[in-house]
Amino acid sequence: MPGVQLDIYYVTIIHSPAIFRRTIMSRRPMTWTAVHLALASAATWFLLESGALSSALLFSFH
């Protein structure tokens, strides 16, 4: 399941923020933004697919 790999990757980033920040954020701020957008997109897709978030609720926040 794709969500499991994403969760493991995300936890790895959380547990080593200094390494992640030093390698990506310092030289490539757009990469940092892209990572956040990818995580947000994947999380939204997972919540919609699992039924934890309805599309009507999502669009009400838009």
PDB file of N, CA and C in Angstrom:
ATOM      1  N   MET A   1       0.843  -1.176   0.000  1.00  0.00           N
ATOM      2  CA  MET A   1       0.000   0.000   0.000  1.00  0.00           C
ATOM      3  C   MET A   1       0.892   1.245   0.000  1.00  0.00           C
ATOM      4  N   PRO A   2       0.645   2.205  -0.896  1.00  0.00           N
ATOM      5  CA  PRO A   2       1.521   3.370  -0.999  1.00  0.00           C
ATOM      6  C   PRO A   2       1.572   4.207   0.277  1.00  0.00           C
ATOM      7  N   GLY A   3       0.487   4.273   1.013  1.00  0.00           N
ATOM      8  CA  GLY A   3       0.458   5.072   2.233  1.00  0.00           C
ATOM      9  C   GLY A   3       1.462   4.600   3.264  1.00  0.00           C
ATOM     10  N   VAL A   4       1.713   3.298   3.309  1.00  0.00           N
ATOM     11  CA  VAL A   4       2.642   2.751   4.296  1.00  0.00           C
ATOM     12  C   VAL A   4       4.051   3.238   4.010  1.00  0.00           C
ATOM     13  N   GLN A   5       4.480   3.189   2.760  1.00  0.00           N
ATOM     14  CA  GLN A   5       5.810   3.674   2.405  1.00  0.00           C
ATOM     15  C   GLN A   5       5.937   5.154   2.706  1.00  0.00           C
ATOM     16  N   LEU A   6       4.912   5.921   2.406  1.00  0.00           N
ATOM     17  CA  LEU A   6       4.942   7.350   2.678  1.00  0.00           C
ATOM     18  C   LEU A   6       5.073   7.607   4.169  1.00  0.00           C
ATOM     19  N   ASP A   7       4.324   6.859   4.985  1.00  0.00           N
ATOM     20  CA  ASP A   7       4.398   7.032   6.433  1.00  0.00           C
ATOM     21  C   ASP A   7       5.799   6.723   6.946  1.00  0.00           C
ATOM     22  N   ILE A   8       6.411   5.661   6.449  1.00  0.00           N
ATOM     23  CA  ILE A   8       7.758   5.298   6.885  1.00  0.00           C
ATOM     24  C   ILE A   8       8.743   6.385   6.473  1.00  0.00           C
ATOM     25  N   TYR A   9       8.621   6.887   5.252  1.00  0.00           N
ATOM     26  CA  TYR A   9       9.498   7.951   4.769  1.00  0.00           C
ATOM     27  C   TYR A   9       9.311   9.213   5.604  1.00  0.00           C
ATOM     28  N   TYR A  10       8.066   9.554   5.899  1.00  0.00           N
ATOM     29  CA  TYR A  10       7.761  10.753   6.678  1.00  0.00           C
ATOM     30  C   TYR A  10       8.319  10.637   8.096  1.00  0.00           C
ATOM     31  N   VAL A  11       8.160   9.486   8.720  1.00  0.00           N
ATOM     32  CA  VAL A  11       8.696   9.279  10.068  1.00  0.00           C
ATOM     33  C   VAL A  11      10.212   9.391  10.055  1.00  0.00           C
ATOM     34  N   THR A  12      10.851   8.876   9.010  1.00  0.00           N
ATOM     35  CA  THR A  12      12.306   8.986   8.903  1.00  0.00           C
ATOM     36  C   THR A  12      12.732  10.448   8.856  1.00  0.00           C
ATOM     37  N   ILE A  13      12.010  11.262   8.112  1.00  0.00           N
ATOM     38  CA  ILE A  13      12.326  12.689   8.029  1.00  0.00           C
ATOM     39  C   ILE A  13      12.143  13.353   9.390  1.00  0.00           C
ATOM     40  N   ILE A  14      11.056  13.017  10.078  1.00  0.00           N
ATOM     41  CA  ILE A  14      10.774  13.627  11.376  1.00  0.00           C
ATOM     42  C   ILE A  14      11.871  13.285  12.380  1.00  0.00           C
ATOM     43  N   HIS A  15      12.383  12.059  12.336  1.00  0.00           N
ATOM     44  CA  HIS A  15      13.382  11.644  13.313  1.00  0.00           C
ATOM     45  C   HIS A  15      14.794  12.124  12.988  1.00  0.00           C
ATOM     46  N   SER A  16      15.006  12.625  11.780  1.00  0.00           N
ATOM     47  CA  SER A  16      16.332  13.154  11.448  1.00  0.00           C
ATOM     48  C   SER A  16      16.193  14.495  10.728  1.00  0.00           C
ATOM     49  N   PRO A  17      15.561  15.478  11.356  1.00  0.00           N
ATOM     50  CA  PRO A  17      15.319  16.753  10.670  1.00  0.00           C
ATOM     51  C   PRO A  17      16.594  17.514  10.328  1.00  0.00           C
ATOM     52  N   ALA A  18      17.629  17.387  11.152  1.00  0.00           N
ATOM     53  CA  ALA A  18      18.867  18.126  10.877  1.00  0.00           C
ATOM     54  C   ALA A  18      19.517  17.642   9.587  1.00  0.00           C
ATOM     55  N   ILE A  19      19.553  16.343   9.395  1.00  0.00           N
ATOM     56  CA  ILE A  19      20.136  15.778   8.173  1.00  0.00           C
ATOM     57  C   ILE A  19      19.311  16.194   6.965  1.00  0.00           C
ATOM     58  N   PHE A  20      17.995  16.086   7.089  1.00  0.00           N
ATOM     59  CA  PHE A  20      17.111  16.443   5.977  1.00  0.00           C
ATOM     60  C   PHE A  20      17.247  17.923   5.634  1.00  0.00           C
ATOM     61  N   ARG A  21      17.239  18.775   6.645  1.00  0.00           N
ATOM     62  CA  ARG A  21      17.337  20.216   6.434  1.00  0.00           C
ATOM     63  C   ARG A  21      18.685  20.585   5.805  1.00  0.00           C
ATOM     64  N   ARG A  22      19.748  19.950   6.264  1.00  0.00           N
ATOM     65  CA  ARG A  22      21.084  20.261   5.757  1.00  0.00           C
ATOM     66  C   ARG A  22      21.234  19.840   4.295  1.00  0.00           C
ATOM     67  N   THR A  23      20.679  18.697   3.927  1.00  0.00           N
ATOM     68  CA  THR A  23      20.887  18.193   2.571  1.00  0.00           C
ATOM     69  C   THR A  23      19.944  18.809   1.555  1.00  0.00           C
ATOM     70  N   ILE A  24      18.733  19.131   1.950  1.00  0.00           N
ATOM     71  CA  ILE A  24      17.754  19.613   0.974  1.00  0.00           C
ATOM     72  C   ILE A  24      17.435  21.091   1.150  1.00  0.00           C
ATOM     73  N   MET A  25      17.081  21.480   2.343  1.00  0.00           N
ATOM     74  CA  MET A  25      16.545  22.816   2.550  1.00  0.00           C
ATOM     75  C   MET A  25      17.584  23.911   2.345  1.00  0.00           C
ATOM     76  N   SER A  26      18.809  23.673   2.737  1.00  0.00           N
ATOM     77  CA  SER A  26      19.813  24.730   2.662  1.00  0.00           C
ATOM     78  C   SER A  26      20.147  25.123   1.224  1.00  0.00           C
ATOM     79  N   ARG A  27      20.184  24.156   0.339  1.00  0.00           N
ATOM     80  CA  ARG A  27      20.574  24.450  -1.040  1.00  0.00           C
ATOM     81  C   ARG A  27      19.399  24.557  -1.992  1.00  0.00           C
ATOM     82  N   ARG A  28      18.306  23.889  -1.681  1.00  0.00           N
ATOM     83  CA  ARG A  28      17.186  23.838  -2.623  1.00  0.00           C
ATOM     84  C   ARG A  28      15.863  24.078  -1.904  1.00  0.00           C
ATOM     85  N   PRO A  29      15.512  25.335  -1.636  1.00  0.00           N
ATOM     86  CA  PRO A  29      14.250  25.601  -0.940  1.00  0.00           C
ATOM     87  C   PRO A  29      13.023  25.148  -1.733  1.00  0.00           C
ATOM     88  N   MET A  30      13.119  25.130  -3.071  1.00  0.00           N
ATOM     89  CA  MET A  30      11.978  24.680  -3.863  1.00  0.00           C
ATOM     90  C   MET A  30      11.760  23.177  -3.695  1.00  0.00           C
ATOM     91  N   THR A  31      12.828  22.437  -3.462  1.00  0.00           N
ATOM     92  CA  THR A  31      12.691  21.005  -3.206  1.00  0.00           C
ATOM     93  C   THR A  31      11.950  20.792  -1.898  1.00  0.00           C
ATOM     94  N   TRP A  32      12.259  21.603  -0.896  1.00  0.00           N
ATOM     95  CA  TRP A  32      11.566  21.537   0.393  1.00  0.00           C
ATOM     96  C   TRP A  32      10.072  21.772   0.193  1.00  0.00           C
ATOM     97  N   THR A  33       9.731  22.774  -0.615  1.00  0.00           N
ATOM     98  CA  THR A  33       8.330  23.077  -0.908  1.00  0.00           C
ATOM     99  C   THR A  33       7.680  21.912  -1.644  1.00  0.00           C
ATOM    100  N   ALA A  34       8.380  21.344  -2.600  1.00  0.00           N
ATOM    101  CA  ALA A  34       7.842  20.220  -3.366  1.00  0.00           C
ATOM    102  C   ALA A  34       7.591  19.015  -2.476  1.00  0.00           C
ATOM    103  N   VAL A  35       8.471  18.768  -1.523  1.00  0.00           N
ATOM    104  CA  VAL A  35       8.283  17.650  -0.595  1.00  0.00           C
ATOM    105  C   VAL A  35       7.032  17.877   0.238  1.00  0.00           C
ATOM    106  N   HIS A  36       6.848  19.088   0.749  1.00  0.00           N
ATOM    107  CA  HIS A  36       5.655  19.380   1.535  1.00  0.00           C
ATOM    108  C   HIS A  36       4.384  19.228   0.702  1.00  0.00           C
ATOM    109  N   LEU A  37       4.408  19.715  -0.527  1.00  0.00           N
ATOM    110  CA  LEU A  37       3.238  19.583  -1.390  1.00  0.00           C
ATOM    111  C   LEU A  37       2.939  18.123  -1.704  1.00  0.00           C
ATOM    112  N   ALA A  38       3.966  17.331  -1.936  1.00  0.00           N
ATOM    113  CA  ALA A  38       3.768  15.909  -2.220  1.00  0.00           C
ATOM    114  C   ALA A  38       3.189  15.189  -1.010  1.00  0.00           C
ATOM    115  N   LEU A  39       3.690  15.498   0.183  1.00  0.00           N
ATOM    116  CA  LEU A  39       3.160  14.871   1.398  1.00  0.00           C
ATOM    117  C   LEU A  39       1.712  15.279   1.642  1.00  0.00           C
ATOM    118  N   ALA A  40       1.405  16.558   1.446  1.00  0.00           N
ATOM    119  CA  ALA A  40       0.033  17.028   1.641  1.00  0.00           C
ATOM    120  C   ALA A  40      -0.909  16.393   0.628  1.00  0.00           C
ATOM    121  N   SER A  41      -0.465  16.290  -0.609  1.00  0.00           N
ATOM    122  CA  SER A  41      -1.275  15.679  -1.653  1.00  0.00           C
ATOM    123  C   SER A  41      -1.533  14.203  -1.364  1.00  0.00           C
ATOM    124  N   ALA A  42      -0.492  13.490  -0.974  1.00  0.00           N
ATOM    125  CA  ALA A  42      -0.638  12.065  -0.665  1.00  0.00           C
ATOM    126  C   ALA A  42      -1.528  11.853   0.555  1.00  0.00           C
ATOM    127  N   ALA A  43      -1.388  12.706   1.553  1.00  0.00           N
ATOM    128  CA  ALA A  43      -2.219  12.576   2.753  1.00  0.00           C
ATOM    129  C   ALA A  43      -3.683  12.847   2.427  1.00  0.00           C
ATOM    130  N   THR A  44      -3.944  13.862   1.609  1.00  0.00           N
ATOM    131  CA  THR A  44      -5.319  14.174   1.209  1.00  0.00           C
ATOM    132  C   THR A  44      -5.913  13.021   0.416  1.00  0.00           C
ATOM    133  N   TRP A  45      -5.150  12.473  -0.532  1.00  0.00           N
ATOM    134  CA  TRP A  45      -5.633  11.339  -1.326  1.00  0.00           C
ATOM    135  C   TRP A  45      -5.953  10.154  -0.423  1.00  0.00           C
ATOM    136  N   PHE A  46      -5.061   9.863   0.521  1.00  0.00           N
ATOM    137  CA  PHE A  46      -5.273   8.735   1.422  1.00  0.00           C
ATOM    138  C   PHE A  46      -6.532   8.935   2.266  1.00  0.00           C
ATOM    139  N   LEU A  47      -6.729  10.143   2.787  1.00  0.00           N
ATOM    140  CA  LEU A  47      -7.913  10.412   3.608  1.00  0.00           C
ATOM    141  C   LEU A  47      -9.192  10.319   2.783  1.00  0.00           C
ATOM    142  N   LEU A  48      -9.151  10.784   1.541  1.00  0.00           N
ATOM    143  CA  LEU A  48     -10.324  10.671   0.671  1.00  0.00           C
ATOM    144  C   LEU A  48     -10.620   9.212   0.338  1.00  0.00           C
ATOM    145  N   GLU A  49      -9.592   8.446   0.018  1.00  0.00           N
ATOM    146  CA  GLU A  49      -9.774   7.037  -0.331  1.00  0.00           C
ATOM    147  C   GLU A  49     -10.239   6.200   0.856  1.00  0.00           C
ATOM    148  N   SER A  50      -9.765   6.529   2.036  1.00  0.00           N
ATOM    149  CA  SER A  50     -10.138   5.747   3.214  1.00  0.00           C
ATOM    150  C   SER A  50     -11.507   6.139   3.753  1.00  0.00           C
ATOM    151  N   GLY A  51     -12.057   7.249   3.259  1.00  0.00           N
ATOM    152  CA  GLY A  51     -13.362   7.685   3.725  1.00  0.00           C
ATOM    153  C   GLY A  51     -13.303   8.534   4.983  1.00  0.00           C
ATOM    154  N   ALA A  52     -12.105   8.831   5.460  1.00  0.00           N
ATOM    155  CA  ALA A  52     -11.964   9.657   6.658  1.00  0.00           C
ATOM    156  C   ALA A  52     -12.259  11.123   6.355  1.00  0.00           C
ATOM    157  N   LEU A  53     -12.188  11.489   5.089  1.00  0.00           N
ATOM    158  CA  LEU A  53     -12.447  12.864   4.672  1.00  0.00           C
ATOM    159  C   LEU A  53     -13.347  12.812   3.452  1.00  0.00           C
ATOM    160  N   SER A  54     -14.446  13.525   3.491  1.00  0.00           N
ATOM    161  CA  SER A  54     -15.342  13.529   2.338  1.00  0.00           C
ATOM    162  C   SER A  54     -14.961  14.672   1.408  1.00  0.00           C
ATOM    163  N   SER A  55     -15.248  14.506   0.134  1.00  0.00           N
ATOM    164  CA  SER A  55     -14.905  15.552  -0.828  1.00  0.00           C
ATOM    165  C   SER A  55     -15.708  16.817  -0.561  1.00  0.00           C
ATOM    166  N   ALA A  56     -16.951  16.672  -0.064  1.00  0.00           N
ATOM    167  CA  ALA A  56     -17.757  17.855   0.262  1.00  0.00           C
ATOM    168  C   ALA A  56     -17.094  18.670   1.368  1.00  0.00           C
ATOM    169  N   LEU A  57     -16.560  17.987   2.365  1.00  0.00           N
ATOM    170  CA  LEU A  57     -15.871  18.680   3.455  1.00  0.00           C
ATOM    171  C   LEU A  57     -14.591  19.337   2.951  1.00  0.00           C
ATOM    172  N   LEU A  58     -13.872  18.649   2.081  1.00  0.00           N
ATOM    173  CA  LEU A  58     -12.638  19.199   1.530  1.00  0.00           C
ATOM    174  C   LEU A  58     -12.918  20.481   0.755  1.00  0.00           C
ATOM    175  N   PHE A  59     -13.963  20.473  -0.080  1.00  0.00           N
ATOM    176  CA  PHE A  59     -14.267  21.652  -0.885  1.00  0.00           C
ATOM    177  C   PHE A  59     -14.877  22.777  -0.062  1.00  0.00           C
ATOM    178  N   SER A  60     -15.425  22.473   1.096  1.00  0.00           N
ATOM    179  CA  SER A  60     -15.953  23.541   1.950  1.00  0.00           C
ATOM    180  C   SER A  60     -14.827  24.379   2.537  1.00  0.00           C
ATOM    181  N   PHE A  61     -13.622  23.802   2.651  1.00  0.00           N
ATOM    182  CA  PHE A  61     -12.472  24.553   3.150  1.00  0.00           C
ATOM    183  C   PHE A  61     -11.771  25.332   2.045  1.00  0.00           C
ATOM    184  N   HIS A  62     -12.099  25.026   0.807  1.00  0.00           N
ATOM    185  CA  HIS A  62     -11.407  25.662  -0.317  1.00  0.00           C
ATOM    186  C   HIS A  62     -11.777  27.130  -0.418  1.00  0.00           C
TER     187      HIS A  62
END
